[in-house]
Protein backbone atom coordinates (compact mmCIF):
# COMPACT_ATOMS: atom_id res chain seq x y z
CA UNK A 1 4.51 -19.47 -4.94
CA UNK A 2 4.84 -23.22 -4.51
CA UNK A 3 1.96 -25.20 -3.07
CA UNK A 4 4.07 -25.91 0.02
CA UNK A 5 4.62 -22.19 0.64
CA UNK A 6 0.95 -21.47 -0.12
CA UNK A 7 -0.17 -24.02 2.49
CA UNK A 8 2.30 -22.55 4.99
CA UNK A 9 0.86 -19.11 4.23
CA UNK A 10 -2.66 -20.35 5.00
CA UNK A 11 -1.48 -21.91 8.26
CA UNK A 12 0.43 -18.75 9.18
CA UNK A 13 -2.71 -16.68 8.60
CA UNK A 14 -4.77 -18.92 10.87
CA UNK A 15 -2.06 -18.75 13.51
CA UNK A 16 -1.92 -14.95 13.22
CA UNK A 17 -5.69 -14.66 13.65
CA UNK A 18 -5.49 -16.75 16.83
CA UNK A 19 -2.40 -15.12 18.31
CA UNK A 20 -2.73 -11.52 17.17
CA UNK A 21 -6.09 -10.61 15.65
CA UNK A 22 -5.18 -6.92 15.45
CA UNK A 23 -2.10 -7.74 13.38
CA UNK A 24 -4.24 -9.80 11.02
CA UNK A 25 -6.80 -6.98 10.82
CA UNK A 26 -4.01 -4.58 9.88
CA UNK A 27 -2.72 -6.95 7.22
CA UNK A 28 -6.17 -7.31 5.66
CA UNK A 29 -6.67 -3.53 5.74
CA UNK A 30 -3.61 -2.68 3.64
CA UNK A 31 -3.44 -5.87 1.57
CA UNK A 32 -6.97 -5.49 0.19
CA UNK A 33 -6.05 -2.02 -1.09
CA UNK A 34 -2.84 -3.29 -2.68
CA UNK A 35 -4.72 -6.16 -4.38
CA UNK A 36 -7.24 -3.67 -5.78
CA UNK A 37 -4.35 -1.61 -7.20
CA UNK A 38 -2.73 -4.74 -8.67
CA UNK A 39 -5.97 -5.58 -10.51
CA UNK A 40 -5.86 -2.31 -12.42
CA UNK A 41 -4.90 -2.91 -16.03
CA UNK A 42 -2.66 0.13 -16.36
CA UNK A 43 0.85 1.32 -15.55
CA UNK A 44 -0.01 1.80 -11.85
CA UNK A 45 -1.29 -1.76 -11.56
CA UNK A 46 1.83 -3.14 -13.23
CA UNK A 47 4.12 -1.08 -10.99
CA UNK A 48 2.34 -2.13 -7.80
CA UNK A 49 2.46 -5.77 -8.93
CA UNK A 50 6.24 -5.60 -9.45
CA UNK A 51 6.79 -3.96 -6.07
CA UNK A 52 4.52 -6.50 -4.38
CA UNK A 53 6.44 -9.38 -5.97
CA UNK A 54 9.74 -7.87 -4.81
CA UNK A 55 8.44 -7.67 -1.23
CA UNK A 56 6.26 -10.78 -1.11
CA UNK A 57 8.86 -13.25 -2.34
CA UNK A 58 11.38 -12.92 0.52
CA UNK A 59 8.58 -12.43 3.04
CA UNK A 60 6.79 -15.60 1.94
CA UNK A 61 9.99 -17.62 2.19
CA UNK A 62 10.63 -16.32 5.71
CA UNK A 63 7.05 -17.06 6.70
CA UNK A 64 7.35 -20.57 5.26
CA UNK A 65 10.62 -21.10 7.15
CA UNK A 66 8.94 -20.06 10.39
CA UNK A 67 6.14 -22.53 9.65
CA UNK A 68 8.65 -25.38 9.23
CA UNK A 69 9.04 -25.49 5.45
CA UNK A 70 12.66 -26.26 4.48
CA UNK A 71 13.46 -23.07 2.56
CA UNK A 72 16.50 -20.85 2.75
CA UNK A 73 16.10 -17.75 4.92
CA UNK A 74 17.26 -14.40 3.67
CA UNK A 75 18.21 -11.23 5.49
CA UNK A 76 15.57 -9.34 3.51
CA UNK A 77 12.92 -11.87 4.54
CA UNK A 78 13.79 -11.58 8.22
CA UNK A 79 13.68 -7.77 8.08
CA UNK A 80 10.43 -7.72 6.08
CA UNK A 81 8.80 -10.11 8.55
CA UNK A 82 9.91 -8.14 11.59
CA UNK A 83 8.98 -4.74 10.19
CA UNK A 84 5.90 -6.02 8.36
CA UNK A 85 4.30 -7.59 11.41
CA UNK A 86 4.85 -4.39 13.41
CA UNK A 87 3.42 -2.32 10.55
CA UNK A 88 0.35 -4.58 10.35
CA UNK A 89 -0.09 -4.47 14.14
CA UNK A 90 0.00 -0.65 14.12
CA UNK A 91 -2.58 -0.48 11.34
CA UNK A 92 -4.68 -3.10 13.11
CA UNK A 93 -4.67 -1.13 16.36
CA UNK A 94 -5.74 1.95 14.42
CA UNK A 95 -8.50 0.03 12.63
CA UNK A 96 -9.64 -1.56 15.88
CA UNK A 97 -9.75 1.82 17.58
CA UNK A 98 -11.77 3.27 14.71
CA UNK A 99 -14.16 0.32 14.81
CA UNK A 100 -14.64 0.74 18.55
CA UNK A 101 -15.48 4.43 18.04
CA UNK A 102 -17.85 3.62 15.16
CA UNK A 103 -15.77 5.46 12.54
CA UNK A 104 -15.48 2.59 10.05
């Protein structure tokens, strides 16, 4: 990830927290698990890392484009962004509901 895309990612995260805290909560919920898997020094960790790279690359370019970075959009990036944000929002609503009921 280039420094320009990394900075856009940080700005996107701050924007997401402000505009849709539940979506951000959902992202953190699943992403922390995936990062833990990626840190494993075994076949599972290597597999998850490859899959994450395959997904994160087009998503990060789409996110950077939306944040004004001059990168080329891809169909995969647009789909991943659209589906990914909905997925994160659904998880975030579930997490928020569980927090409100004292289950987490």
